[in-house]
Amino acid sequence: MASFKQSISLSTSSDRAGLTGRASGEVHVIVGPMFAGKTTALLRRMKSEGSNGRNVAMIKSSKDTRYAIDSIVTHDGAKFPCWALPNLLSFREKYGDEAYEKAADHDGKTVVVAGLDGDYLRRSFGSVLDIIPLADTVTKLTARCELCGKRAFFTLRKTEEKKTELIGGADVYMPVCRQHYVNGHVVIEAARSVLESRKVKSDSFLEAALFV
């Protein structure tokens, strides 16, 4: 689908041993549509872990090159250095099919995975949903529908491009509620009208400012 915002963070500590003496870890999953604040939530968690003295490592898809290849960046510009891999499958191939389970159950690591749960056609996207059975918590974030302001659970593509993986931000995608997702074509036309209206108002303001 879209931004390839599937990201992993790992934090380690030596003070979380269970009754068996084996270190215990956690797995947390954060999902939602685009512009729901998934990356912001991930960075907030990582800063908290780091301030508590834990070592933190972040991994993202190398396909997400919109802001920086070596950093995870939110839509409002906050960033955190990371490693870039082709996708989460590469992480599993490198560390094994049970990578997340081993990291939490045997290595005492806290794993936080953030990503899209569905593509623009509402099909499951990527491998983030495969981790849910292993997760201690699953957080479903919502955005605000770009057309009506209600809670947005879905991502609508504004262009006619059909391929599943299409890098883009607000120029290509918008968060929408169920009603406006179902009426997708109407939404797109309405959005174009809104954008054109904003452009006209902006141009008018600039012209007025120039002549003041």
Protein backbone atom coordinates (compact mmCIF):
# COMPACT_ATOMS: atom_id res chain seq x y z
CA MET A 1 0.00 0.00 0.00
CA ALA A 2 1.50 3.12 1.06
CA SER A 3 4.08 4.49 3.34
CA PHE A 4 5.77 1.26 4.40
CA LYS A 5 5.57 2.52 7.93
CA GLN A 6 5.93 -0.93 9.39
CA SER A 7 8.62 -0.35 11.99
CA ILE A 8 10.16 -2.40 14.76
CA SER A 9 11.79 -1.23 17.93
CA LEU A 10 13.71 -3.41 20.33
CA SER A 11 14.70 -2.48 23.86
CA THR A 12 16.72 -4.54 26.31
CA SER A 13 17.22 -4.56 30.05
CA SER A 14 18.89 -6.87 32.55
CA ASP A 15 16.41 -6.35 35.40
CA ARG A 16 13.37 -8.23 34.08
CA ALA A 17 14.11 -11.84 35.12
CA GLY A 18 11.11 -13.99 35.97
CA LEU A 19 10.74 -16.70 38.64
CA THR A 20 12.66 -19.16 36.48
CA GLY A 21 15.61 -16.79 36.22
CA ARG A 22 14.98 -16.38 32.51
CA ALA A 23 14.60 -12.81 31.30
CA SER A 24 11.07 -11.86 30.32
CA GLY A 25 10.17 -9.48 27.52
CA GLU A 26 7.10 -8.04 25.82
CA VAL A 27 5.60 -7.70 22.36
CA HIS A 28 3.38 -4.71 21.52
CA VAL A 29 1.66 -3.99 18.21
CA ILE A 30 0.43 -0.58 17.05
CA VAL A 31 -1.78 -0.45 13.95
CA GLY A 32 -4.12 1.94 12.20
CA PRO A 33 -4.67 3.86 8.96
CA MET A 34 -2.32 6.48 7.62
CA PHE A 35 -2.04 9.70 9.64
CA ALA A 36 -3.23 7.98 12.82
CA GLY A 37 -0.05 8.79 14.75
CA LYS A 38 1.52 5.31 14.72
CA THR A 39 5.06 6.58 14.30
CA THR A 40 4.52 9.28 16.92
CA ALA A 41 3.30 6.64 19.38
CA LEU A 42 6.30 4.46 18.55
CA LEU A 43 8.80 7.27 19.07
CA ARG A 44 7.12 8.30 22.32
CA ARG A 45 7.48 4.74 23.61
CA MET A 46 11.11 4.55 22.52
CA LYS A 47 12.04 7.82 24.18
CA SER A 48 10.43 6.58 27.37
CA GLU A 49 12.35 3.30 27.22
CA GLY A 50 15.60 5.14 26.50
CA SER A 51 15.13 7.57 29.38
CA ASN A 52 14.74 4.55 31.68
CA GLY A 53 18.21 3.37 30.73
CA ARG A 54 17.25 0.72 28.22
CA ASN A 55 19.11 0.18 24.96
CA VAL A 56 16.86 0.89 21.99
CA ALA A 57 17.18 -0.12 18.33
CA MET A 58 14.68 0.75 15.60
CA ILE A 59 14.18 -0.93 12.23
CA LYS A 60 12.09 0.24 9.29
CA SER A 61 11.55 -0.66 5.65
CA SER A 62 14.21 0.69 3.31
CA LYS A 63 11.42 1.38 0.80
CA ASP A 64 10.23 4.30 2.90
CA THR A 65 12.55 6.99 1.54
CA ARG A 66 10.20 9.98 1.76
CA TYR A 67 12.05 11.68 4.60
CA ALA A 68 15.33 9.87 5.32
CA ILE A 69 16.65 6.38 4.70
CA ASP A 70 18.42 6.16 8.07
CA SER A 71 15.70 7.67 10.28
CA ILE A 72 12.09 7.07 11.22
CA VAL A 73 10.28 10.38 10.76
CA THR A 74 6.77 11.43 11.75
CA HIS A 75 4.57 13.58 9.52
CA ASP A 76 5.34 16.58 11.72
CA GLY A 77 9.11 16.14 11.44
CA ALA A 78 10.12 14.30 14.63
CA LYS A 79 12.81 11.71 13.89
CA PHE A 80 14.79 8.86 15.41
CA PRO A 81 17.79 7.03 13.87
CA CYS A 82 17.12 3.49 12.66
CA TRP A 83 18.30 0.57 10.57
CA ALA A 84 16.63 0.05 7.19
CA LEU A 85 15.65 -3.39 5.87
CA PRO A 86 13.66 -4.23 2.72
CA ASN A 87 10.67 -5.29 4.87
CA LEU A 88 9.74 -7.05 8.10
CA LEU A 89 10.06 -10.38 6.33
CA SER A 90 13.76 -9.62 5.94
CA PHE A 91 13.95 -9.21 9.71
CA ARG A 92 12.33 -12.61 10.16
CA GLU A 93 14.56 -14.19 7.53
CA LYS A 94 17.64 -12.81 9.28
CA TYR A 95 16.65 -13.78 12.80
CA GLY A 96 14.30 -16.70 12.10
CA ASP A 97 10.53 -17.24 11.83
CA GLU A 98 10.21 -17.03 15.60
CA ALA A 99 12.23 -13.80 15.84
CA TYR A 100 9.65 -11.85 17.85
CA GLU A 101 8.81 -14.77 20.10
CA LYS A 102 12.48 -15.48 20.82
CA ALA A 103 13.24 -11.82 21.43
CA ALA A 104 10.51 -11.52 24.06
CA ASP A 105 10.36 -15.01 25.57
CA HIS A 106 14.05 -15.89 25.68
CA ASP A 107 16.12 -12.73 25.26
CA GLY A 108 14.18 -10.38 27.53
CA LYS A 109 13.61 -7.79 24.81
CA THR A 110 10.60 -5.54 24.43
CA VAL A 111 9.47 -5.53 20.81
CA VAL A 112 7.16 -2.78 19.55
CA VAL A 113 5.86 -3.10 15.98
CA ALA A 114 3.96 -0.26 14.29
CA GLY A 115 2.37 -0.39 10.86
CA LEU A 116 -0.67 -0.30 8.63
CA ASP A 117 -3.16 -3.06 9.30
CA GLY A 118 -4.84 -2.70 5.91
CA ASP A 119 -4.15 -1.35 2.44
CA TYR A 120 -6.28 1.08 0.47
CA LEU A 121 -8.61 -1.80 -0.48
CA ARG A 122 -8.96 -2.82 3.19
CA ARG A 123 -6.94 -5.99 2.67
CA SER A 124 -4.44 -7.07 5.31
CA PHE A 125 -1.14 -5.36 4.59
CA GLY A 126 2.36 -6.65 5.21
CA SER A 127 3.19 -9.02 8.05
CA VAL A 128 2.30 -6.88 11.04
CA LEU A 129 -0.96 -8.78 11.65
CA ASP A 130 0.98 -12.05 11.89
CA ILE A 131 2.55 -10.79 15.11
CA ILE A 132 -0.75 -10.17 16.92
CA PRO A 133 -1.04 -13.73 18.36
CA LEU A 134 2.33 -13.15 20.08
CA ALA A 135 1.49 -9.68 21.38
CA ASP A 136 0.97 -8.59 24.97
CA THR A 137 -1.02 -5.60 23.72
CA VAL A 138 -2.54 -4.48 20.43
CA THR A 139 -3.35 -0.79 19.97
CA LYS A 140 -5.63 0.27 17.11
CA LEU A 141 -5.20 3.98 16.47
CA THR A 142 -7.59 6.11 14.44
CA ALA A 143 -7.15 9.29 12.45
CA ARG A 144 -9.69 11.99 11.61
CA CYS A 145 -11.73 11.67 8.44
CA GLU A 146 -10.42 14.29 6.07
CA LEU A 147 -13.95 15.01 4.83
CA CYS A 148 -16.16 15.04 7.92
CA GLY A 149 -13.89 14.97 10.96
CA LYS A 150 -15.25 11.71 12.37
CA ARG A 151 -12.91 8.93 13.46
CA ALA A 152 -11.15 7.44 10.45
CA PHE A 153 -10.39 3.73 10.40
CA PHE A 154 -9.47 3.37 6.74
CA THR A 155 -7.05 4.78 4.17
CA LEU A 156 -8.34 5.94 0.79
CA ARG A 157 -6.08 6.39 -2.21
CA LYS A 158 -6.68 9.58 -4.14
CA THR A 159 -5.05 8.47 -7.38
CA GLU A 160 -6.05 5.88 -9.96
CA GLU A 161 -2.83 3.88 -9.48
CA LYS A 162 -3.68 0.21 -8.83
CA LYS A 163 -0.44 -1.29 -7.52
CA THR A 164 -0.54 -2.25 -3.86
CA GLU A 165 2.77 -0.71 -2.82
CA LEU A 166 2.77 2.98 -3.67
CA ILE A 167 4.93 5.38 -1.69
CA GLY A 168 3.10 8.56 -0.79
CA GLY A 169 1.77 10.89 1.86
CA ALA A 170 -1.12 13.33 1.93
CA ASP A 171 -0.71 13.83 -1.81
CA VAL A 172 -1.71 10.21 -2.44
CA TYR A 173 -3.72 9.06 0.59
CA MET A 174 -6.31 10.35 3.02
CA PRO A 175 -7.80 8.89 6.21
CA VAL A 176 -11.57 8.40 6.01
CA CYS A 177 -14.49 7.10 8.03
CA ARG A 178 -16.51 4.09 6.87
CA GLN A 179 -19.18 6.17 5.14
CA HIS A 180 -16.72 8.15 3.09
CA TYR A 181 -14.65 5.07 2.30
CA VAL A 182 -17.70 3.33 0.84
CA ASN A 183 -18.46 6.44 -1.20
CA GLY A 184 -14.84 6.64 -2.26
CA HIS A 185 -15.24 8.15 -5.70
CA VAL A 186 -17.49 10.85 -4.28
CA VAL A 187 -14.87 11.53 -1.62
CA ILE A 188 -12.12 11.93 -4.16
CA GLU A 189 -14.12 14.40 -6.21
CA ALA A 190 -15.13 16.29 -3.07
CA ALA A 191 -11.51 16.38 -1.92
CA ARG A 192 -10.42 17.78 -5.26
CA SER A 193 -13.08 20.47 -4.98
CA VAL A 194 -11.94 21.32 -1.44
CA LEU A 195 -8.31 21.50 -2.54
CA GLU A 196 -9.17 23.68 -5.50
CA SER A 197 -11.25 25.94 -3.24
CA ARG A 198 -8.36 26.26 -0.80
CA LYS A 199 -6.01 27.05 -3.67
CA VAL A 200 -8.32 29.78 -4.96
CA LYS A 201 -8.63 31.30 -1.47
CA SER A 202 -4.87 31.10 -1.00
CA ASP A 203 -4.19 32.72 -4.37
CA SER A 204 -6.71 35.47 -3.61
CA PHE A 205 -5.03 36.19 -0.28
CA LEU A 206 -1.62 36.36 -1.91
CA GLU A 207 -2.87 38.76 -4.55
CA ALA A 208 -4.48 40.97 -1.89
CA ALA A 209 -1.30 40.93 0.18
CA LEU A 210 0.78 41.95 -2.80
CA PHE A 211 -1.33 45.02 -3.41
CA VAL A 212 -1.63 46.20 0.22
